[in-house]
Amino acid sequence: MQKNCPFCQNPHIRKYGVRNNIQRYKCNACLKTFTFKKKLAPLKIWLEFTEGKQTYLQLSEKYHCSIRTIQRYIDKSPKKALSFPQSKYSNLLIDTSFFHREFGVMVFMGTLSKKVIYHQIVKTEKYIFTRKHPTS
């Protein structure tokens, strides 16, 4: 299989060294450097973290990267993928899962849509994120 430059699709590429045990290439036409290693998908990691209940350590072992990399990918998971309820009113399920007493993830899920509406990293159980609104 012929490898092409991901930028200009030119088949004339050459090896251009190794960085972090990953082979780098350089295009002879556009002179850009690149690798053919697949990048991690933040949304996929977020779903495995929240729905699959996997820890940072488990995800880092699965994807062969550091725990800090997994933390960054979870932090930058696209918030647009989290859908907000269409109605003005909604029933919420709120659950917090703690990992090794160091931190937890609080997840707000709509009962009708069964989708995550909001998530927040928390440090302790006593940390208050919600406030009471006066009823009208």
N, C-alpha and C. Protein backbone atom coordinates (compact mmCIF):
# COMPACT_ATOMS: atom_id res chain seq x y z
N MET A 1 0.85 -1.19 0.00
CA MET A 1 0.00 0.00 0.00
C MET A 1 0.89 1.25 0.00
N GLN A 2 0.64 2.13 -0.92
CA GLN A 2 1.40 3.38 -1.07
C GLN A 2 0.92 4.40 -0.04
N LYS A 3 1.86 4.99 0.69
CA LYS A 3 1.50 6.02 1.66
C LYS A 3 1.58 7.38 0.97
N ASN A 4 0.60 8.22 1.24
CA ASN A 4 0.54 9.56 0.67
C ASN A 4 0.62 10.60 1.78
N CYS A 5 1.04 11.80 1.40
CA CYS A 5 1.06 12.92 2.33
C CYS A 5 -0.37 13.25 2.74
N PRO A 6 -0.67 13.37 4.04
CA PRO A 6 -2.03 13.69 4.46
C PRO A 6 -2.44 15.12 4.12
N PHE A 7 -1.48 15.99 3.77
CA PHE A 7 -1.79 17.38 3.47
C PHE A 7 -2.05 17.61 1.98
N CYS A 8 -1.15 17.09 1.13
CA CYS A 8 -1.28 17.35 -0.32
C CYS A 8 -1.53 16.08 -1.13
N GLN A 9 -1.59 14.92 -0.48
CA GLN A 9 -1.85 13.63 -1.12
C GLN A 9 -0.74 13.19 -2.08
N ASN A 10 0.42 13.81 -2.01
CA ASN A 10 1.54 13.45 -2.87
C ASN A 10 2.14 12.13 -2.39
N PRO A 11 2.39 11.17 -3.29
CA PRO A 11 2.95 9.88 -2.86
C PRO A 11 4.46 9.92 -2.59
N HIS A 12 5.13 11.02 -2.92
CA HIS A 12 6.57 11.12 -2.76
C HIS A 12 6.91 11.66 -1.37
N ILE A 13 7.07 10.72 -0.44
CA ILE A 13 7.42 11.07 0.93
C ILE A 13 8.67 10.29 1.32
N ARG A 14 9.36 10.76 2.37
CA ARG A 14 10.55 10.05 2.84
C ARG A 14 10.55 10.03 4.37
N LYS A 15 11.24 9.05 4.90
CA LYS A 15 11.37 8.96 6.36
C LYS A 15 12.16 10.17 6.83
N TYR A 16 11.75 10.72 7.99
CA TYR A 16 12.36 11.95 8.47
C TYR A 16 12.67 11.85 9.97
N GLY A 17 13.16 10.70 10.39
CA GLY A 17 13.56 10.53 11.78
C GLY A 17 12.49 9.90 12.64
N VAL A 18 12.84 9.75 13.93
CA VAL A 18 11.95 9.13 14.90
C VAL A 18 11.85 10.06 16.11
N ARG A 19 10.65 10.23 16.62
CA ARG A 19 10.45 11.02 17.83
C ARG A 19 9.50 10.26 18.74
N ASN A 20 9.91 10.05 19.98
CA ASN A 20 9.12 9.28 20.96
C ASN A 20 8.74 7.90 20.41
N ASN A 21 9.70 7.25 19.75
CA ASN A 21 9.50 5.93 19.15
C ASN A 21 8.42 5.90 18.07
N ILE A 22 8.16 7.03 17.45
CA ILE A 22 7.18 7.11 16.36
C ILE A 22 7.90 7.61 15.11
N GLN A 23 7.79 6.85 14.03
CA GLN A 23 8.44 7.23 12.77
C GLN A 23 7.80 8.49 12.21
N ARG A 24 8.63 9.47 11.83
CA ARG A 24 8.16 10.71 11.21
C ARG A 24 8.47 10.66 9.73
N TYR A 25 7.67 11.37 8.93
CA TYR A 25 7.84 11.43 7.49
C TYR A 25 7.83 12.89 7.05
N LYS A 26 8.43 13.13 5.87
CA LYS A 26 8.43 14.47 5.29
C LYS A 26 8.01 14.36 3.84
N CYS A 27 7.11 15.24 3.43
CA CYS A 27 6.63 15.26 2.05
C CYS A 27 7.65 16.02 1.19
N ASN A 28 7.99 15.46 0.04
CA ASN A 28 8.93 16.12 -0.87
C ASN A 28 8.28 17.31 -1.58
N ALA A 29 6.96 17.31 -1.68
CA ALA A 29 6.27 18.38 -2.41
C ALA A 29 5.98 19.59 -1.52
N CYS A 30 5.28 19.37 -0.40
CA CYS A 30 4.88 20.51 0.45
C CYS A 30 5.83 20.73 1.63
N LEU A 31 6.78 19.82 1.83
CA LEU A 31 7.82 19.92 2.87
C LEU A 31 7.27 19.88 4.30
N LYS A 32 6.06 19.39 4.48
CA LYS A 32 5.50 19.26 5.83
C LYS A 32 5.89 17.91 6.42
N THR A 33 6.04 17.87 7.75
CA THR A 33 6.36 16.62 8.43
C THR A 33 5.11 16.10 9.14
N PHE A 34 5.05 14.77 9.29
CA PHE A 34 3.84 14.16 9.85
C PHE A 34 4.15 12.73 10.26
N THR A 35 3.18 12.09 10.94
CA THR A 35 3.24 10.67 11.27
C THR A 35 1.96 10.03 10.76
N PHE A 36 1.96 8.72 10.73
CA PHE A 36 0.75 8.00 10.33
C PHE A 36 0.05 7.39 11.54
N LYS A 37 0.48 7.79 12.73
CA LYS A 37 -0.14 7.28 13.95
C LYS A 37 -1.52 7.90 14.11
N LYS A 38 -2.50 7.06 14.47
CA LYS A 38 -3.86 7.57 14.68
C LYS A 38 -3.91 8.41 15.95
N LYS A 39 -4.67 9.48 15.91
CA LYS A 39 -4.84 10.32 17.09
C LYS A 39 -6.03 9.81 17.90
N LEU A 40 -5.99 10.10 19.18
CA LEU A 40 -7.08 9.70 20.06
C LEU A 40 -8.29 10.60 19.83
N ALA A 41 -9.47 10.04 20.01
CA ALA A 41 -10.71 10.80 19.86
C ALA A 41 -11.22 11.18 21.25
N PRO A 42 -11.25 12.49 21.57
CA PRO A 42 -11.69 12.91 22.91
C PRO A 42 -13.09 12.42 23.27
N LEU A 43 -14.01 12.43 22.32
CA LEU A 43 -15.38 12.01 22.61
C LEU A 43 -15.42 10.51 22.94
N LYS A 44 -14.66 9.71 22.20
CA LYS A 44 -14.63 8.27 22.46
C LYS A 44 -14.07 7.99 23.85
N ILE A 45 -13.01 8.70 24.22
CA ILE A 45 -12.42 8.52 25.55
C ILE A 45 -13.41 8.97 26.62
N TRP A 46 -14.11 10.09 26.38
CA TRP A 46 -15.09 10.59 27.35
C TRP A 46 -16.20 9.56 27.55
N LEU A 47 -16.69 8.95 26.48
CA LEU A 47 -17.76 7.97 26.60
C LEU A 47 -17.28 6.72 27.35
N GLU A 48 -16.08 6.29 27.08
CA GLU A 48 -15.54 5.13 27.80
C GLU A 48 -15.33 5.47 29.28
N PHE A 49 -14.98 6.71 29.56
CA PHE A 49 -14.76 7.16 30.93
C PHE A 49 -16.08 7.24 31.70
N THR A 50 -17.12 7.81 31.08
CA THR A 50 -18.39 8.01 31.79
C THR A 50 -19.29 6.79 31.72
N GLU A 51 -19.48 6.24 30.52
CA GLU A 51 -20.41 5.12 30.38
C GLU A 51 -19.75 3.78 30.66
N GLY A 52 -18.48 3.66 30.29
CA GLY A 52 -17.77 2.41 30.53
C GLY A 52 -17.18 2.31 31.92
N LYS A 53 -17.25 3.42 32.68
CA LYS A 53 -16.75 3.47 34.05
C LYS A 53 -15.29 3.02 34.14
N GLN A 54 -14.47 3.45 33.17
CA GLN A 54 -13.06 3.11 33.21
C GLN A 54 -12.28 4.24 33.86
N THR A 55 -11.23 3.90 34.57
CA THR A 55 -10.41 4.90 35.25
C THR A 55 -9.38 5.47 34.27
N TYR A 56 -8.72 6.55 34.70
CA TYR A 56 -7.65 7.14 33.88
C TYR A 56 -6.57 6.09 33.60
N LEU A 57 -6.22 5.32 34.62
CA LEU A 57 -5.17 4.32 34.47
C LEU A 57 -5.57 3.26 33.45
N GLN A 58 -6.80 2.78 33.53
CA GLN A 58 -7.26 1.77 32.57
C GLN A 58 -7.25 2.32 31.15
N LEU A 59 -7.70 3.57 30.98
CA LEU A 59 -7.72 4.17 29.65
C LEU A 59 -6.30 4.41 29.13
N SER A 60 -5.40 4.83 30.02
CA SER A 60 -4.02 5.08 29.58
C SER A 60 -3.35 3.78 29.14
N GLU A 61 -3.64 2.68 29.82
CA GLU A 61 -3.08 1.39 29.40
C GLU A 61 -3.70 0.92 28.09
N LYS A 62 -4.99 1.16 27.92
CA LYS A 62 -5.67 0.74 26.70
C LYS A 62 -5.15 1.49 25.48
N TYR A 63 -4.91 2.79 25.61
CA TYR A 63 -4.49 3.62 24.48
C TYR A 63 -2.98 3.87 24.43
N HIS A 64 -2.23 3.23 25.33
CA HIS A 64 -0.76 3.33 25.34
C HIS A 64 -0.28 4.78 25.42
N CYS A 65 -0.80 5.51 26.40
CA CYS A 65 -0.37 6.89 26.61
C CYS A 65 -0.38 7.17 28.11
N SER A 66 0.03 8.36 28.50
CA SER A 66 0.12 8.69 29.92
C SER A 66 -1.26 9.03 30.50
N ILE A 67 -1.33 8.98 31.82
CA ILE A 67 -2.56 9.35 32.51
C ILE A 67 -2.88 10.82 32.26
N ARG A 68 -1.86 11.66 32.24
CA ARG A 68 -2.06 13.09 31.99
C ARG A 68 -2.65 13.33 30.60
N THR A 69 -2.25 12.55 29.61
CA THR A 69 -2.82 12.67 28.27
C THR A 69 -4.31 12.35 28.30
N ILE A 70 -4.69 11.30 29.01
CA ILE A 70 -6.11 10.94 29.13
C ILE A 70 -6.86 12.07 29.82
N GLN A 71 -6.29 12.66 30.88
CA GLN A 71 -6.95 13.78 31.57
C GLN A 71 -7.18 14.93 30.60
N ARG A 72 -6.18 15.26 29.80
CA ARG A 72 -6.32 16.37 28.85
C ARG A 72 -7.40 16.07 27.81
N TYR A 73 -7.45 14.84 27.31
CA TYR A 73 -8.46 14.49 26.32
C TYR A 73 -9.86 14.53 26.91
N ILE A 74 -10.01 14.12 28.16
CA ILE A 74 -11.33 14.19 28.80
C ILE A 74 -11.72 15.64 29.03
N ASP A 75 -10.75 16.48 29.43
CA ASP A 75 -11.04 17.90 29.63
C ASP A 75 -11.43 18.59 28.33
N LYS A 76 -10.86 18.17 27.21
CA LYS A 76 -11.18 18.84 25.95
C LYS A 76 -12.21 18.09 25.12
N SER A 77 -12.93 17.15 25.75
CA SER A 77 -13.98 16.45 25.01
C SER A 77 -15.02 17.48 24.58
N PRO A 78 -15.54 17.34 23.37
CA PRO A 78 -16.45 18.37 22.84
C PRO A 78 -17.73 18.47 23.66
N LYS A 79 -17.94 19.62 24.24
CA LYS A 79 -19.13 19.83 25.06
C LYS A 79 -20.38 19.93 24.19
N LYS A 80 -20.21 20.20 22.90
CA LYS A 80 -21.37 20.27 22.01
C LYS A 80 -22.01 18.90 21.85
N ALA A 81 -21.24 17.85 22.08
CA ALA A 81 -21.79 16.50 21.97
C ALA A 81 -22.76 16.22 23.12
N LEU A 82 -22.65 16.99 24.19
CA LEU A 82 -23.58 16.85 25.30
C LEU A 82 -24.85 17.62 24.94
N SER A 83 -25.96 16.92 24.86
CA SER A 83 -27.19 17.56 24.40
C SER A 83 -27.97 18.14 25.57
N PHE A 84 -28.49 19.32 25.38
CA PHE A 84 -29.29 19.97 26.40
C PHE A 84 -30.77 19.65 26.15
N PRO A 85 -31.55 19.59 27.20
CA PRO A 85 -32.96 19.21 27.04
C PRO A 85 -33.72 20.22 26.19
N GLN A 86 -34.65 19.70 25.40
CA GLN A 86 -35.46 20.55 24.53
C GLN A 86 -36.54 21.28 25.34
N SER A 87 -37.02 20.66 26.37
CA SER A 87 -38.08 21.23 27.18
C SER A 87 -37.49 22.17 28.23
N LYS A 88 -38.34 23.07 28.73
CA LYS A 88 -37.92 23.98 29.79
C LYS A 88 -37.73 23.23 31.10
N TYR A 89 -38.50 22.16 31.28
CA TYR A 89 -38.43 21.38 32.50
C TYR A 89 -37.90 19.98 32.18
N SER A 90 -37.18 19.43 33.12
CA SER A 90 -36.63 18.10 32.92
C SER A 90 -36.36 17.45 34.27
N ASN A 91 -36.51 16.15 34.32
CA ASN A 91 -36.09 15.40 35.50
C ASN A 91 -34.62 15.04 35.31
N LEU A 92 -33.86 15.19 36.36
CA LEU A 92 -32.43 14.92 36.27
C LEU A 92 -32.05 13.75 37.16
N LEU A 93 -31.13 12.95 36.66
CA LEU A 93 -30.43 11.98 37.48
C LEU A 93 -29.04 12.56 37.70
N ILE A 94 -28.65 12.68 38.94
CA ILE A 94 -27.34 13.23 39.26
C ILE A 94 -26.57 12.15 40.01
N ASP A 95 -25.41 11.80 39.48
CA ASP A 95 -24.60 10.76 40.09
C ASP A 95 -23.15 11.20 40.09
N THR A 96 -22.46 10.88 41.16
CA THR A 96 -21.04 11.19 41.25
C THR A 96 -20.28 9.90 41.54
N SER A 97 -19.27 9.64 40.74
CA SER A 97 -18.40 8.48 40.95
C SER A 97 -17.04 8.99 41.39
N PHE A 98 -16.56 8.48 42.53
CA PHE A 98 -15.26 8.88 43.05
C PHE A 98 -14.23 7.81 42.74
N PHE A 99 -13.01 8.28 42.46
CA PHE A 99 -11.92 7.38 42.11
C PHE A 99 -10.78 7.59 43.12
N HIS A 100 -10.50 6.57 43.92
CA HIS A 100 -9.38 6.56 44.86
C HIS A 100 -9.36 7.76 45.80
N ARG A 101 -10.48 8.30 46.17
CA ARG A 101 -10.60 9.43 47.10
C ARG A 101 -9.88 10.68 46.63
N GLU A 102 -9.46 10.71 45.40
CA GLU A 102 -8.72 11.87 44.89
C GLU A 102 -9.63 12.85 44.16
N PHE A 103 -10.57 12.33 43.41
CA PHE A 103 -11.47 13.19 42.66
C PHE A 103 -12.68 12.36 42.25
N GLY A 104 -13.69 13.04 41.76
CA GLY A 104 -14.87 12.36 41.27
C GLY A 104 -15.42 13.07 40.05
N VAL A 105 -16.34 12.40 39.39
CA VAL A 105 -17.01 12.99 38.23
C VAL A 105 -18.49 13.03 38.54
N MET A 106 -19.05 14.24 38.55
CA MET A 106 -20.48 14.42 38.76
C MET A 106 -21.14 14.54 37.39
N VAL A 107 -22.12 13.70 37.14
CA VAL A 107 -22.78 13.65 35.83
C VAL A 107 -24.26 13.95 36.02
N PHE A 108 -24.78 14.88 35.22
CA PHE A 108 -26.20 15.22 35.19
C PHE A 108 -26.78 14.60 33.92
N MET A 109 -27.81 13.75 34.08
CA MET A 109 -28.38 13.07 32.93
C MET A 109 -29.89 13.29 32.91
N GLY A 110 -30.43 13.62 31.74
CA GLY A 110 -31.87 13.77 31.59
C GLY A 110 -32.55 12.42 31.58
N THR A 111 -33.64 12.27 32.33
CA THR A 111 -34.30 10.97 32.41
C THR A 111 -35.05 10.63 31.12
N LEU A 112 -35.58 11.63 30.43
CA LEU A 112 -36.31 11.35 29.20
C LEU A 112 -35.38 11.10 28.02
N SER A 113 -34.38 11.94 27.87
CA SER A 113 -33.46 11.81 26.73
C SER A 113 -32.39 10.74 26.98
N LYS A 114 -32.15 10.43 28.25
CA LYS A 114 -31.10 9.47 28.64
C LYS A 114 -29.74 9.87 28.09
N LYS A 115 -29.50 11.18 28.05
CA LYS A 115 -28.22 11.70 27.58
C LYS A 115 -27.61 12.58 28.65
N VAL A 116 -26.29 12.63 28.64
CA VAL A 116 -25.57 13.47 29.60
C VAL A 116 -25.78 14.93 29.24
N ILE A 117 -26.26 15.72 30.20
CA ILE A 117 -26.51 17.13 29.98
C ILE A 117 -25.32 17.97 30.43
N TYR A 118 -24.69 17.54 31.52
CA TYR A 118 -23.58 18.32 32.08
C TYR A 118 -22.69 17.38 32.89
N HIS A 119 -21.41 17.69 32.97
CA HIS A 119 -20.50 16.94 33.83
C HIS A 119 -19.53 17.90 34.49
N GLN A 120 -19.02 17.49 35.64
CA GLN A 120 -18.12 18.35 36.41
C GLN A 120 -17.17 17.46 37.20
N ILE A 121 -15.89 17.80 37.21
CA ILE A 121 -14.92 17.11 38.06
C ILE A 121 -15.03 17.72 39.46
N VAL A 122 -15.15 16.87 40.49
CA VAL A 122 -15.27 17.34 41.87
C VAL A 122 -14.14 16.75 42.71
N LYS A 123 -13.81 17.44 43.79
CA LYS A 123 -12.72 16.97 44.65
C LYS A 123 -13.23 16.27 45.90
N THR A 124 -14.35 16.73 46.44
CA THR A 124 -14.89 16.10 47.65
C THR A 124 -16.40 15.98 47.52
N GLU A 125 -16.98 15.16 48.39
CA GLU A 125 -18.43 15.01 48.39
C GLU A 125 -19.12 16.25 48.94
N LYS A 126 -18.44 17.00 49.77
CA LYS A 126 -19.05 18.15 50.41
C LYS A 126 -19.05 19.39 49.53
N TYR A 127 -18.36 19.32 48.43
CA TYR A 127 -18.30 20.47 47.53
C TYR A 127 -19.67 20.69 46.91
N ILE A 128 -20.23 21.89 47.05
CA ILE A 128 -21.60 22.17 46.61
C ILE A 128 -21.57 22.84 45.25
N PHE A 129 -22.25 22.23 44.27
CA PHE A 129 -22.31 22.79 42.92
C PHE A 129 -23.67 23.41 42.62
N THR A 130 -24.66 22.98 43.35
CA THR A 130 -25.99 23.49 43.06
C THR A 130 -26.42 24.42 44.19
N ARG A 131 -27.28 25.33 43.85
CA ARG A 131 -27.84 26.20 44.88
C ARG A 131 -29.35 26.13 44.77
N LYS A 132 -30.00 26.37 45.85
CA LYS A 132 -31.46 26.30 45.85
C LYS A 132 -32.02 27.58 45.26
N HIS A 133 -32.96 27.40 44.36
CA HIS A 133 -33.65 28.54 43.76
C HIS A 133 -34.98 28.73 44.48
N PRO A 134 -35.34 29.95 44.77
CA PRO A 134 -36.64 30.17 45.42
C PRO A 134 -37.77 29.79 44.46
N THR A 135 -38.76 29.12 44.99
CA THR A 135 -39.91 28.73 44.16
C THR A 135 -40.82 29.93 43.98
N SER A 136 -41.39 30.04 42.79
CA SER A 136 -42.27 31.18 42.54
C SER A 136 -43.71 30.78 42.62
